[in-house]
Amino acid sequence: MAVGTLFTWGPANVDSLLATTLSVFTDKELNDNIFKGIPTWSYLNEKNRVTKNGGASLLVRLLYQKNSTAAFFSGYDIIDTTPQEGLTAAQFKWGRAAASISISGQEQDANSGEAEVSDLLQDKVSQALQSLTDLMAIQLYAAANNSKAVSNLPLFVDTTSTIGDINSSTNSWWQSTVLASGSMAARGRSDMTNVYNTISIQGRKATPPDFGVTTQTVYEAYEALLAPAVRFSDTKMGDLGFTNLKFKNITLMFDPNVASGEMYFLNSDALKLVVHSKRNFARTPMVKPANQDALTGQIIWQGQLTTNNRRKLGKFTGMTA
């Protein structure tokens, strides 16, 4: 669609051609020149997302020790009736995020009729949505915790932090599997096999990790070890636009937000992204301030990353090419 020229007027900027010819947009899409791919967030949304209606916090029921009275007996043997503990719950606080959208009356008037190439308000909504998603994708790998945000994997997958109000330093059953690794070429495959097997046997269900994510450097080093004939990939994640490889049952990808030297093995049975049913990137009404010719609204997200078994989450540190 032809529209008015987008150049500053004046003889230094507009010649006879521009003065008599309209500019044409090559497409109507808002082309992204700022955001990066976010495979971890996409994985959580695709495979690990559950929806809840409300609640002051999120509780996950946990079994953390065996019943010590379980024993063989015969005849008149005394059966142990010692009262048992071993049941508890992890508590996770909701994380909340918002982005505002504003459009002035002047912008609305200008972006109408023949001059409207695309809906300016919708472009602003798209910008806000992508910004929110990018914010949470970065927070997933933040080095420091933020009590208002979604949980970050560096602290979520370790052996010392307090997650869900349970201190893993004093509760060894609430520790993730963490391995100090090294060169991918020298020991990467053997380390990956070790952590994969260790995670797989944790819990009553022997379920292996199904998602792995690392840096681009380590990912490319792993790819270099594979023969072309065995470079299998996950077609579903490929359809979402993310390059990936397979390691056993794991779909392995790289995320630009992962810290140098780290790799994560995650299990979708043990990790859930809980979102509030009324706050899953929900738009509020556009409201006109009393003293402005404009409209303003927000997009709001509320949710949290939760786990029911940290032993089924793994992390490598110090991994290099």
C-alpha atoms as a PDB file:
ATOM      1  CA  MET A   1       0.000   0.000   0.000  1.00  0.00           C
ATOM      2  CA  ALA A   2       1.319   3.448  -0.872  1.00  0.00           C
ATOM      3  CA  VAL A   3       1.690   5.968   1.942  1.00  0.00           C
ATOM      4  CA  GLY A   4       3.152   9.433   2.445  1.00  0.00           C
ATOM      5  CA  THR A   5       6.935   9.687   2.318  1.00  0.00           C
ATOM      6  CA  LEU A   6       8.794   9.067   5.577  1.00  0.00           C
ATOM      7  CA  PHE A   7      11.569  11.604   4.966  1.00  0.00           C
ATOM      8  CA  THR A   8      12.198  14.993   6.560  1.00  0.00           C
ATOM      9  CA  TRP A   9      10.925  17.676   4.185  1.00  0.00           C
ATOM     10  CA  GLY A  10      13.172  20.303   2.641  1.00  0.00           C
ATOM     11  CA  PRO A  11      15.347  20.662  -0.469  1.00  0.00           C
ATOM     12  CA  ALA A  12      18.264  18.916   1.215  1.00  0.00           C
ATOM     13  CA  ASN A  13      16.182  15.784   1.731  1.00  0.00           C
ATOM     14  CA  VAL A  14      13.467  15.669  -0.917  1.00  0.00           C
ATOM     15  CA  ASP A  15      14.079  15.840  -4.652  1.00  0.00           C
ATOM     16  CA  SER A  16      11.498  16.004  -7.422  1.00  0.00           C
ATOM     17  CA  LEU A  17      11.036  12.231  -7.451  1.00  0.00           C
ATOM     18  CA  LEU A  18      10.263  12.049  -3.741  1.00  0.00           C
ATOM     19  CA  ALA A  19       8.063  15.123  -3.944  1.00  0.00           C
ATOM     20  CA  THR A  20       5.825  13.459  -6.505  1.00  0.00           C
ATOM     21  CA  THR A  21       6.111   9.767  -5.591  1.00  0.00           C
ATOM     22  CA  LEU A  22       4.690   7.907  -2.562  1.00  0.00           C
ATOM     23  CA  SER A  23       6.782   5.480  -0.492  1.00  0.00           C
ATOM     24  CA  VAL A  24       5.820   1.802  -0.376  1.00  0.00           C
ATOM     25  CA  PHE A  25       6.339  -0.600   2.530  1.00  0.00           C
ATOM     26  CA  THR A  26       7.834  -3.905   1.376  1.00  0.00           C
ATOM     27  CA  ASP A  27       5.616  -5.820   3.813  1.00  0.00           C
ATOM     28  CA  LYS A  28       3.087  -5.289   6.582  1.00  0.00           C
ATOM     29  CA  GLU A  29       4.914  -7.331   9.222  1.00  0.00           C
ATOM     30  CA  LEU A  30       6.659  -5.689  12.152  1.00  0.00           C
ATOM     31  CA  ASN A  31      10.177  -7.046  11.583  1.00  0.00           C
ATOM     32  CA  ASP A  32      12.060  -8.008  14.764  1.00  0.00           C
ATOM     33  CA  ASN A  33      15.534  -6.470  14.938  1.00  0.00           C
ATOM     34  CA  ILE A  34      16.096  -6.694  18.693  1.00  0.00           C
ATOM     35  CA  PHE A  35      14.920  -9.949  20.321  1.00  0.00           C
ATOM     36  CA  LYS A  36      16.742 -13.292  20.402  1.00  0.00           C
ATOM     37  CA  GLY A  37      15.420 -16.849  20.215  1.00  0.00           C
ATOM     38  CA  ILE A  38      14.072 -18.186  23.504  1.00  0.00           C
ATOM     39  CA  PRO A  39      13.999 -22.008  23.270  1.00  0.00           C
ATOM     40  CA  THR A  40      13.829 -22.706  27.033  1.00  0.00           C
ATOM     41  CA  TRP A  41      10.744 -20.558  27.501  1.00  0.00           C
ATOM     42  CA  SER A  42       9.164 -22.159  24.430  1.00  0.00           C
ATOM     43  CA  TYR A  43       9.891 -25.643  25.790  1.00  0.00           C
ATOM     44  CA  LEU A  44       8.288 -24.815  29.138  1.00  0.00           C
ATOM     45  CA  ASN A  45       5.200 -23.395  27.445  1.00  0.00           C
ATOM     46  CA  GLU A  46       4.862 -26.295  25.024  1.00  0.00           C
ATOM     47  CA  LYS A  47       5.444 -29.272  27.315  1.00  0.00           C
ATOM     48  CA  ASN A  48       5.404 -28.131  30.922  1.00  0.00           C
ATOM     49  CA  ARG A  49       2.632 -25.571  31.243  1.00  0.00           C
ATOM     50  CA  VAL A  50      -0.328 -26.088  33.568  1.00  0.00           C
ATOM     51  CA  THR A  51      -3.082 -23.609  34.416  1.00  0.00           C
ATOM     52  CA  LYS A  52      -4.460 -22.783  37.856  1.00  0.00           C
ATOM     53  CA  ASN A  53      -7.384 -20.545  38.768  1.00  0.00           C
ATOM     54  CA  GLY A  54      -5.945 -18.801  41.819  1.00  0.00           C
ATOM     55  CA  GLY A  55      -4.622 -19.209  45.344  1.00  0.00           C
ATOM     56  CA  ALA A  56      -2.355 -17.173  47.594  1.00  0.00           C
ATOM     57  CA  SER A  57       0.579 -19.433  46.656  1.00  0.00           C
ATOM     58  CA  LEU A  58       1.316 -22.709  44.898  1.00  0.00           C
ATOM     59  CA  LEU A  59       1.756 -25.866  46.997  1.00  0.00           C
ATOM     60  CA  VAL A  60       3.404 -29.047  45.742  1.00  0.00           C
ATOM     61  CA  ARG A  61       3.003 -32.184  47.879  1.00  0.00           C
ATOM     62  CA  LEU A  62       6.246 -34.090  48.483  1.00  0.00           C
ATOM     63  CA  LEU A  63       7.274 -37.505  49.794  1.00  0.00           C
ATOM     64  CA  TYR A  64      10.771 -37.264  51.265  1.00  0.00           C
ATOM     65  CA  GLN A  65      11.441 -40.446  53.260  1.00  0.00           C
ATOM     66  CA  LYS A  66      10.489 -44.096  53.431  1.00  0.00           C
ATOM     67  CA  ASN A  67       8.123 -45.699  55.936  1.00  0.00           C
ATOM     68  CA  SER A  68      10.557 -47.320  58.360  1.00  0.00           C
ATOM     69  CA  THR A  69       7.990 -49.867  59.598  1.00  0.00           C
ATOM     70  CA  ALA A  70       8.078 -51.793  56.319  1.00  0.00           C
ATOM     71  CA  ALA A  71       9.537 -55.213  57.243  1.00  0.00           C
ATOM     72  CA  PHE A  72       9.078 -58.964  56.830  1.00  0.00           C
ATOM     73  CA  PHE A  73       7.484 -60.894  59.700  1.00  0.00           C
ATOM     74  CA  SER A  74       6.123 -64.321  60.616  1.00  0.00           C
ATOM     75  CA  GLY A  75       3.856 -65.811  63.259  1.00  0.00           C
ATOM     76  CA  TYR A  76       3.551 -63.697  66.397  1.00  0.00           C
ATOM     77  CA  ASP A  77       6.344 -61.249  65.534  1.00  0.00           C
ATOM     78  CA  ILE A  78       5.685 -57.735  66.767  1.00  0.00           C
ATOM     79  CA  ILE A  79       4.835 -55.389  63.936  1.00  0.00           C
ATOM     80  CA  ASP A  80       6.350 -51.927  64.253  1.00  0.00           C
ATOM     81  CA  THR A  81       3.662 -49.256  64.704  1.00  0.00           C
ATOM     82  CA  THR A  82       5.949 -46.232  65.037  1.00  0.00           C
ATOM     83  CA  PRO A  83       4.107 -43.145  63.690  1.00  0.00           C
ATOM     84  CA  GLN A  84       5.659 -42.018  60.433  1.00  0.00           C
ATOM     85  CA  GLU A  85       6.620 -38.657  59.016  1.00  0.00           C
ATOM     86  CA  GLY A  86       8.014 -38.095  55.533  1.00  0.00           C
ATOM     87  CA  LEU A  87       5.261 -36.014  53.948  1.00  0.00           C
ATOM     88  CA  THR A  88       5.585 -32.292  53.363  1.00  0.00           C
ATOM     89  CA  ALA A  89       4.898 -29.596  50.780  1.00  0.00           C
ATOM     90  CA  ALA A  90       6.932 -27.049  48.863  1.00  0.00           C
ATOM     91  CA  GLN A  91       5.438 -23.571  48.612  1.00  0.00           C
ATOM     92  CA  PHE A  92       6.034 -21.309  45.629  1.00  0.00           C
ATOM     93  CA  LYS A  93       5.028 -17.654  45.420  1.00  0.00           C
ATOM     94  CA  TRP A  94       3.401 -16.312  42.290  1.00  0.00           C
ATOM     95  CA  GLY A  95       5.640 -14.263  40.009  1.00  0.00           C
ATOM     96  CA  ARG A  96       4.083 -11.314  38.170  1.00  0.00           C
ATOM     97  CA  ALA A  97       5.156  -9.234  35.203  1.00  0.00           C
ATOM     98  CA  ALA A  98       3.518  -6.458  33.207  1.00  0.00           C
ATOM     99  CA  ALA A  99       4.161  -4.236  30.217  1.00  0.00           C
ATOM    100  CA  SER A 100       2.224  -1.074  29.398  1.00  0.00           C
ATOM    101  CA  ILE A 101       0.780  -0.038  26.046  1.00  0.00           C
ATOM    102  CA  SER A 102      -0.019   3.596  25.301  1.00  0.00           C
ATOM    103  CA  ILE A 103      -1.300   5.302  22.195  1.00  0.00           C
ATOM    104  CA  SER A 104      -2.075   9.000  21.853  1.00  0.00           C
ATOM    105  CA  GLY A 105      -5.121  10.429  20.151  1.00  0.00           C
ATOM    106  CA  GLN A 106      -2.812  12.049  17.631  1.00  0.00           C
ATOM    107  CA  GLU A 107      -1.264   8.650  16.779  1.00  0.00           C
ATOM    108  CA  GLN A 108      -4.719   7.104  16.405  1.00  0.00           C
ATOM    109  CA  ASP A 109      -5.844   9.883  14.088  1.00  0.00           C
ATOM    110  CA  ALA A 110      -2.712   9.638  11.958  1.00  0.00           C
ATOM    111  CA  ASN A 111      -2.856   5.833  11.809  1.00  0.00           C
ATOM    112  CA  SER A 112      -6.234   5.669  10.118  1.00  0.00           C
ATOM    113  CA  GLY A 113      -7.830   5.746   6.694  1.00  0.00           C
ATOM    114  CA  GLU A 114      -5.573   5.513   3.650  1.00  0.00           C
ATOM    115  CA  ALA A 115      -2.463   6.160   5.780  1.00  0.00           C
ATOM    116  CA  GLU A 116      -2.962   2.978   7.822  1.00  0.00           C
ATOM    117  CA  VAL A 117      -0.472   0.390   6.592  1.00  0.00           C
ATOM    118  CA  SER A 118      -0.881  -1.694   9.752  1.00  0.00           C
ATOM    119  CA  ASP A 119      -2.712  -1.309  13.028  1.00  0.00           C
ATOM    120  CA  LEU A 120      -0.371   0.793  15.195  1.00  0.00           C
ATOM    121  CA  LEU A 121      -2.031  -0.331  18.423  1.00  0.00           C
ATOM    122  CA  GLN A 122      -1.665  -3.980  17.452  1.00  0.00           C
ATOM    123  CA  ASP A 123       2.005  -3.400  16.662  1.00  0.00           C
ATOM    124  CA  LYS A 124       2.448  -1.894  20.137  1.00  0.00           C
ATOM    125  CA  VAL A 125       0.692  -4.933  21.664  1.00  0.00           C
ATOM    126  CA  SER A 126       3.029  -7.257  19.753  1.00  0.00           C
ATOM    127  CA  GLN A 127       6.028  -5.256  20.977  1.00  0.00           C
ATOM    128  CA  ALA A 128       4.855  -5.502  24.592  1.00  0.00           C
ATOM    129  CA  LEU A 129       4.185  -9.251  24.348  1.00  0.00           C
ATOM    130  CA  GLN A 130       7.614  -9.953  22.911  1.00  0.00           C
ATOM    131  CA  SER A 131       9.243  -7.725  25.535  1.00  0.00           C
ATOM    132  CA  LEU A 132       7.496  -9.592  28.368  1.00  0.00           C
ATOM    133  CA  THR A 133       8.468 -12.975  26.966  1.00  0.00           C
ATOM    134  CA  ASP A 134      12.060 -11.816  26.514  1.00  0.00           C
ATOM    135  CA  LEU A 135      12.107 -10.506  30.096  1.00  0.00           C
ATOM    136  CA  MET A 136      11.108 -13.905  31.476  1.00  0.00           C
ATOM    137  CA  ALA A 137      13.456 -15.803  29.163  1.00  0.00           C
ATOM    138  CA  ILE A 138      16.364 -13.729  30.511  1.00  0.00           C
ATOM    139  CA  GLN A 139      15.155 -14.152  34.121  1.00  0.00           C
ATOM    140  CA  LEU A 140      15.178 -17.956  33.728  1.00  0.00           C
ATOM    141  CA  TYR A 141      18.990 -17.792  33.655  1.00  0.00           C
ATOM    142  CA  ALA A 142      19.564 -14.787  35.925  1.00  0.00           C
ATOM    143  CA  ALA A 143      22.425 -15.217  38.378  1.00  0.00           C
ATOM    144  CA  ALA A 144      20.503 -13.573  41.244  1.00  0.00           C
ATOM    145  CA  ASN A 145      17.060 -14.427  42.545  1.00  0.00           C
ATOM    146  CA  ASN A 146      14.152 -11.986  42.178  1.00  0.00           C
ATOM    147  CA  SER A 147      11.290 -12.629  44.608  1.00  0.00           C
ATOM    148  CA  LYS A 148       8.815 -10.933  42.246  1.00  0.00           C
ATOM    149  CA  ALA A 149       9.794 -12.957  39.194  1.00  0.00           C
ATOM    150  CA  VAL A 150       9.688 -16.453  37.747  1.00  0.00           C
ATOM    151  CA  SER A 151      12.296 -18.726  39.377  1.00  0.00           C
ATOM    152  CA  ASN A 152      15.776 -18.761  37.846  1.00  0.00           C
ATOM    153  CA  LEU A 153      17.358 -22.067  36.833  1.00  0.00           C
ATOM    154  CA  PRO A 154      20.898 -21.407  38.182  1.00  0.00           C
ATOM    155  CA  LEU A 155      19.486 -21.444  41.751  1.00  0.00           C
ATOM    156  CA  PHE A 156      16.602 -23.799  40.961  1.00  0.00           C
ATOM    157  CA  VAL A 157      18.996 -26.513  39.783  1.00  0.00           C
ATOM    158  CA  ASP A 158      21.696 -26.698  42.467  1.00  0.00           C
ATOM    159  CA  THR A 159      22.525 -28.300  45.820  1.00  0.00           C
ATOM    160  CA  THR A 160      22.470 -25.427  48.312  1.00  0.00           C
ATOM    161  CA  SER A 161      19.626 -22.972  47.625  1.00  0.00           C
ATOM    162  CA  THR A 162      16.249 -22.735  49.322  1.00  0.00           C
ATOM    163  CA  ILE A 163      13.526 -23.501  46.772  1.00  0.00           C
ATOM    164  CA  GLY A 164       9.843 -23.761  47.651  1.00  0.00           C
ATOM    165  CA  ASP A 165      10.697 -22.773  51.239  1.00  0.00           C
ATOM    166  CA  ILE A 166      12.814 -25.945  51.625  1.00  0.00           C
ATOM    167  CA  ASN A 167      16.543 -25.614  52.277  1.00  0.00           C
ATOM    168  CA  SER A 168      18.454 -28.125  50.178  1.00  0.00           C
ATOM    169  CA  SER A 169      21.618 -27.703  52.263  1.00  0.00           C
ATOM    170  CA  THR A 170      19.889 -29.382  55.203  1.00  0.00           C
ATOM    171  CA  ASN A 171      17.609 -31.634  53.128  1.00  0.00           C
ATOM    172  CA  SER A 172      19.751 -33.709  50.783  1.00  0.00           C
ATOM    173  CA  TRP A 173      16.662 -35.228  49.145  1.00  0.00           C
ATOM    174  CA  TRP A 174      15.898 -31.730  47.768  1.00  0.00           C
ATOM    175  CA  GLN A 175      19.181 -31.359  45.887  1.00  0.00           C
ATOM    176  CA  SER A 176      19.623 -31.375  42.128  1.00  0.00           C
ATOM    177  CA  THR A 177      22.291 -33.379  40.339  1.00  0.00           C
ATOM    178  CA  VAL A 178      25.230 -31.047  39.676  1.00  0.00           C
ATOM    179  CA  LEU A 179      28.482 -32.071  37.994  1.00  0.00           C
ATOM    180  CA  ALA A 180      31.644 -30.022  37.482  1.00  0.00           C
ATOM    181  CA  SER A 181      32.531 -30.932  33.911  1.00  0.00           C
ATOM    182  CA  GLY A 182      35.221 -29.876  31.459  1.00  0.00           C
ATOM    183  CA  SER A 183      36.045 -30.161  27.780  1.00  0.00           C
ATOM    184  CA  MET A 184      33.239 -31.519  25.591  1.00  0.00           C
ATOM    185  CA  ALA A 185      35.799 -33.133  23.301  1.00  0.00           C
ATOM    186  CA  ALA A 186      37.595 -34.882  26.170  1.00  0.00           C
ATOM    187  CA  ARG A 187      34.797 -35.846  28.567  1.00  0.00           C
ATOM    188  CA  GLY A 188      31.529 -34.239  27.524  1.00  0.00           C
ATOM    189  CA  ARG A 189      29.782 -37.371  26.241  1.00  0.00           C
ATOM    190  CA  SER A 190      30.738 -39.466  29.283  1.00  0.00           C
ATOM    191  CA  ASP A 191      29.660 -36.707  31.709  1.00  0.00           C
ATOM    192  CA  MET A 192      26.344 -36.319  29.882  1.00  0.00           C
ATOM    193  CA  THR A 193      25.753 -40.074  30.068  1.00  0.00           C
ATOM    194  CA  ASN A 194      26.525 -40.108  33.800  1.00  0.00           C
ATOM    195  CA  VAL A 195      24.110 -37.295  34.674  1.00  0.00           C
ATOM    196  CA  TYR A 196      21.460 -38.698  32.314  1.00  0.00           C
ATOM    197  CA  ASN A 197      21.563 -42.087  34.063  1.00  0.00           C
ATOM    198  CA  THR A 198      21.721 -40.545  37.548  1.00  0.00           C
ATOM    199  CA  ILE A 199      18.626 -38.440  36.906  1.00  0.00           C
ATOM    200  CA  SER A 200      16.749 -41.281  35.228  1.00  0.00           C
ATOM    201  CA  ILE A 201      16.703 -43.526  38.305  1.00  0.00           C
ATOM    202  CA  GLN A 202      15.553 -40.823  40.748  1.00  0.00           C
ATOM    203  CA  GLY A 203      11.966 -41.153  41.946  1.00  0.00           C
ATOM    204  CA  ARG A 204       9.522 -44.043  41.763  1.00  0.00           C
ATOM    205  CA  LYS A 205       9.140 -43.537  38.019  1.00  0.00           C
ATOM    206  CA  ALA A 206      12.400 -44.171  36.203  1.00  0.00           C
ATOM    207  CA  THR A 207      11.890 -41.312  33.759  1.00  0.00           C
ATOM    208  CA  PRO A 208      14.912 -39.775  32.026  1.00  0.00           C
ATOM    209  CA  PRO A 209      15.447 -36.057  31.338  1.00  0.00           C
ATOM    210  CA  ASP A 210      13.884 -34.944  28.050  1.00  0.00           C
ATOM    211  CA  PHE A 211      15.256 -31.433  27.517  1.00  0.00           C
ATOM    212  CA  GLY A 212      18.806 -30.137  27.535  1.00  0.00           C
ATOM    213  CA  VAL A 213      20.020 -26.605  26.989  1.00  0.00           C
ATOM    214  CA  THR A 214      23.463 -25.069  26.910  1.00  0.00           C
ATOM    215  CA  THR A 215      25.506 -22.300  25.304  1.00  0.00           C
ATOM    216  CA  GLN A 216      26.074 -22.016  21.572  1.00  0.00           C
ATOM    217  CA  THR A 217      29.765 -22.833  22.059  1.00  0.00           C
ATOM    218  CA  VAL A 218      29.120 -26.088  23.911  1.00  0.00           C
ATOM    219  CA  TYR A 219      26.251 -27.022  21.590  1.00  0.00           C
ATOM    220  CA  GLU A 220      28.500 -26.668  18.546  1.00  0.00           C
ATOM    221  CA  ALA A 221      31.231 -28.690  20.274  1.00  0.00           C
ATOM    222  CA  TYR A 222      28.736 -31.496  20.897  1.00  0.00           C
ATOM    223  CA  GLU A 223      27.537 -31.334  17.294  1.00  0.00           C
ATOM    224  CA  ALA A 224      31.128 -31.669  16.082  1.00  0.00           C
ATOM    225  CA  LEU A 225      31.376 -35.033  17.897  1.00  0.00           C
ATOM    226  CA  LEU A 226      28.452 -36.506  15.999  1.00  0.00           C
ATOM    227  CA  ALA A 227      28.623 -38.317  12.692  1.00  0.00           C
ATOM    228  CA  PRO A 228      26.296 -36.716  10.116  1.00  0.00           C
ATOM    229  CA  ALA A 229      24.241 -39.906   9.936  1.00  0.00           C
ATOM    230  CA  VAL A 230      23.292 -39.745  13.630  1.00  0.00           C
ATOM    231  CA  ARG A 231      22.453 -36.050  14.007  1.00  0.00           C
ATOM    232  CA  PHE A 232      18.850 -36.688  14.968  1.00  0.00           C
ATOM    233  CA  SER A 233      16.636 -33.799  16.004  1.00  0.00           C
ATOM    234  CA  ASP A 234      13.227 -33.119  17.531  1.00  0.00           C
ATOM    235  CA  THR A 235      10.893 -32.174  14.686  1.00  0.00           C
ATOM    236  CA  LYS A 236       8.364 -30.493  17.011  1.00  0.00           C
ATOM    237  CA  MET A 237      10.908 -28.019  18.356  1.00  0.00           C
ATOM    238  CA  GLY A 238      12.229 -27.646  14.825  1.00  0.00           C
ATOM    239  CA  ASP A 239       8.755 -26.640  13.704  1.00  0.00           C
ATOM    240  CA  LEU A 240       8.875 -23.884  16.332  1.00  0.00           C
ATOM    241  CA  GLY A 241      12.007 -22.556  14.666  1.00  0.00           C
ATOM    242  CA  PHE A 242      14.692 -23.917  17.014  1.00  0.00           C
ATOM    243  CA  THR A 243      17.720 -25.888  15.865  1.00  0.00           C
ATOM    244  CA  ASN A 244      18.227 -28.947  18.036  1.00  0.00           C
ATOM    245  CA  LEU A 245      20.027 -32.269  18.365  1.00  0.00           C
ATOM    246  CA  LYS A 246      19.246 -35.455  20.279  1.00  0.00           C
ATOM    247  CA  PHE A 247      21.222 -37.007  23.104  1.00  0.00           C
ATOM    248  CA  LYS A 248      19.508 -40.266  24.049  1.00  0.00           C
ATOM    249  CA  ASN A 249      15.977 -39.155  25.029  1.00  0.00           C
ATOM    250  CA  ILE A 250      16.972 -35.485  25.333  1.00  0.00           C
ATOM    251  CA  THR A 251      16.206 -32.705  22.889  1.00  0.00           C
ATOM    252  CA  LEU A 252      19.344 -30.561  23.146  1.00  0.00           C
ATOM    253  CA  MET A 253      19.350 -26.876  22.163  1.00  0.00           C
ATOM    254  CA  PHE A 254      21.310 -23.726  22.880  1.00  0.00           C
ATOM    255  CA  ASP A 255      19.857 -20.635  24.519  1.00  0.00           C
ATOM    256  CA  PRO A 256      21.615 -17.241  24.325  1.00  0.00           C
ATOM    257  CA  ASN A 257      20.757 -16.598  27.977  1.00  0.00           C
ATOM    258  CA  VAL A 258      22.625 -19.609  29.413  1.00  0.00           C
ATOM    259  CA  ALA A 259      25.751 -18.606  31.338  1.00  0.00           C
ATOM    260  CA  SER A 260      29.152 -19.602  29.967  1.00  0.00           C
ATOM    261  CA  GLY A 261      30.138 -23.199  30.759  1.00  0.00           C
ATOM    262  CA  GLU A 262      26.665 -24.351  31.826  1.00  0.00           C
ATOM    263  CA  MET A 263      24.391 -27.078  30.517  1.00  0.00           C
ATOM    264  CA  TYR A 264      21.045 -28.145  31.983  1.00  0.00           C
ATOM    265  CA  PHE A 265      19.233 -31.495  31.824  1.00  0.00           C
ATOM    266  CA  LEU A 266      15.547 -31.031  32.692  1.00  0.00           C
ATOM    267  CA  ASN A 267      12.708 -33.499  33.188  1.00  0.00           C
ATOM    268  CA  SER A 268       9.177 -32.456  32.237  1.00  0.00           C
ATOM    269  CA  ASP A 269       7.710 -34.802  34.880  1.00  0.00           C
ATOM    270  CA  ALA A 270       9.501 -32.834  37.606  1.00  0.00           C
ATOM    271  CA  LEU A 271       9.255 -29.287  36.263  1.00  0.00           C
ATOM    272  CA  LYS A 272       6.057 -27.314  35.667  1.00  0.00           C
ATOM    273  CA  LEU A 273       5.368 -23.778  34.528  1.00  0.00           C
ATOM    274  CA  VAL A 274       2.160 -22.846  36.347  1.00  0.00           C
ATOM    275  CA  VAL A 275       0.206 -19.899  34.929  1.00  0.00           C
ATOM    276  CA  HIS A 276      -2.835 -18.128  36.318  1.00  0.00           C
ATOM    277  CA  SER A 277      -5.838 -18.724  34.060  1.00  0.00           C
ATOM    278  CA  LYS A 278      -6.818 -15.039  34.147  1.00  0.00           C
ATOM    279  CA  ARG A 279      -3.315 -13.608  33.875  1.00  0.00           C
ATOM    280  CA  ASN A 280      -1.689 -15.523  31.035  1.00  0.00           C
ATOM    281  CA  PHE A 281      -0.527 -12.480  29.051  1.00  0.00           C
ATOM    282  CA  ALA A 282      -3.966 -10.960  29.611  1.00  0.00           C
ATOM    283  CA  ARG A 283      -4.749  -7.457  28.344  1.00  0.00           C
ATOM    284  CA  THR A 284      -6.418  -4.952  30.605  1.00  0.00           C
ATOM    285  CA  PRO A 285      -8.900  -2.425  29.148  1.00  0.00           C
ATOM    286  CA  MET A 286      -7.399   0.625  27.457  1.00  0.00           C
ATOM    287  CA  VAL A 287      -8.177   3.549  29.770  1.00  0.00           C
ATOM    288  CA  LYS A 288      -8.160   7.281  28.955  1.00  0.00           C
ATOM    289  CA  PRO A 289      -6.399   9.413  31.583  1.00  0.00           C
ATOM    290  CA  ALA A 290      -8.407  12.429  32.726  1.00  0.00           C
ATOM    291  CA  ASN A 291      -5.756  14.914  31.599  1.00  0.00           C
ATOM    292  CA  GLN A 292      -4.475  13.349  28.369  1.00  0.00           C
ATOM    293  CA  ASP A 293      -5.738  12.602  24.872  1.00  0.00           C
ATOM    294  CA  ALA A 294      -4.421   9.052  25.011  1.00  0.00           C
ATOM    295  CA  LEU A 295      -5.241   5.469  25.945  1.00  0.00           C
ATOM    296  CA  THR A 296      -3.156   3.255  28.240  1.00  0.00           C
ATOM    297  CA  GLY A 297      -3.435  -0.405  29.203  1.00  0.00           C
ATOM    298  CA  GLN A 298      -1.277  -3.314  30.359  1.00  0.00           C
ATOM    299  CA  ILE A 299      -0.485  -6.881  29.474  1.00  0.00           C
ATOM    300  CA  ILE A 300      -0.135  -8.919  32.674  1.00  0.00           C
ATOM    301  CA  TRP A 301       1.366 -12.364  33.283  1.00  0.00           C
ATOM    302  CA  GLN A 302       1.232 -14.314  36.543  1.00  0.00           C
ATOM    303  CA  GLY A 303       2.808 -17.693  37.113  1.00  0.00           C
ATOM    304  CA  GLN A 304       5.748 -19.580  38.533  1.00  0.00           C
ATOM    305  CA  LEU A 305       8.180 -22.367  37.783  1.00  0.00           C
ATOM    306  CA  THR A 306       7.664 -25.249  40.232  1.00  0.00           C
ATOM    307  CA  THR A 307       9.222 -28.648  40.842  1.00  0.00           C
ATOM    308  CA  ASN A 308       8.137 -31.808  42.626  1.00  0.00           C
ATOM    309  CA  ASN A 309      11.546 -33.538  42.504  1.00  0.00           C
ATOM    310  CA  ARG A 310      14.754 -31.534  42.250  1.00  0.00           C
ATOM    311  CA  ARG A 311      16.799 -34.744  41.991  1.00  0.00           C
ATOM    312  CA  LYS A 312      15.482 -35.139  38.451  1.00  0.00           C
ATOM    313  CA  LEU A 313      16.995 -31.813  37.390  1.00  0.00           C
ATOM    314  CA  GLY A 314      20.661 -31.675  36.423  1.00  0.00           C
ATOM    315  CA  LYS A 315      23.318 -29.069  35.716  1.00  0.00           C
ATOM    316  CA  PHE A 316      26.874 -29.085  34.402  1.00  0.00           C
ATOM    317  CA  THR A 317      29.341 -26.331  35.236  1.00  0.00           C
ATOM    318  CA  GLY A 318      32.708 -25.513  33.701  1.00  0.00           C
ATOM    319  CA  MET A 319      31.836 -27.145  30.387  1.00  0.00           C
ATOM    320  CA  THR A 320      33.946 -26.000  27.446  1.00  0.00           C
ATOM    321  CA  ALA A 321      34.480 -26.949  23.830  1.00  0.00           C
END
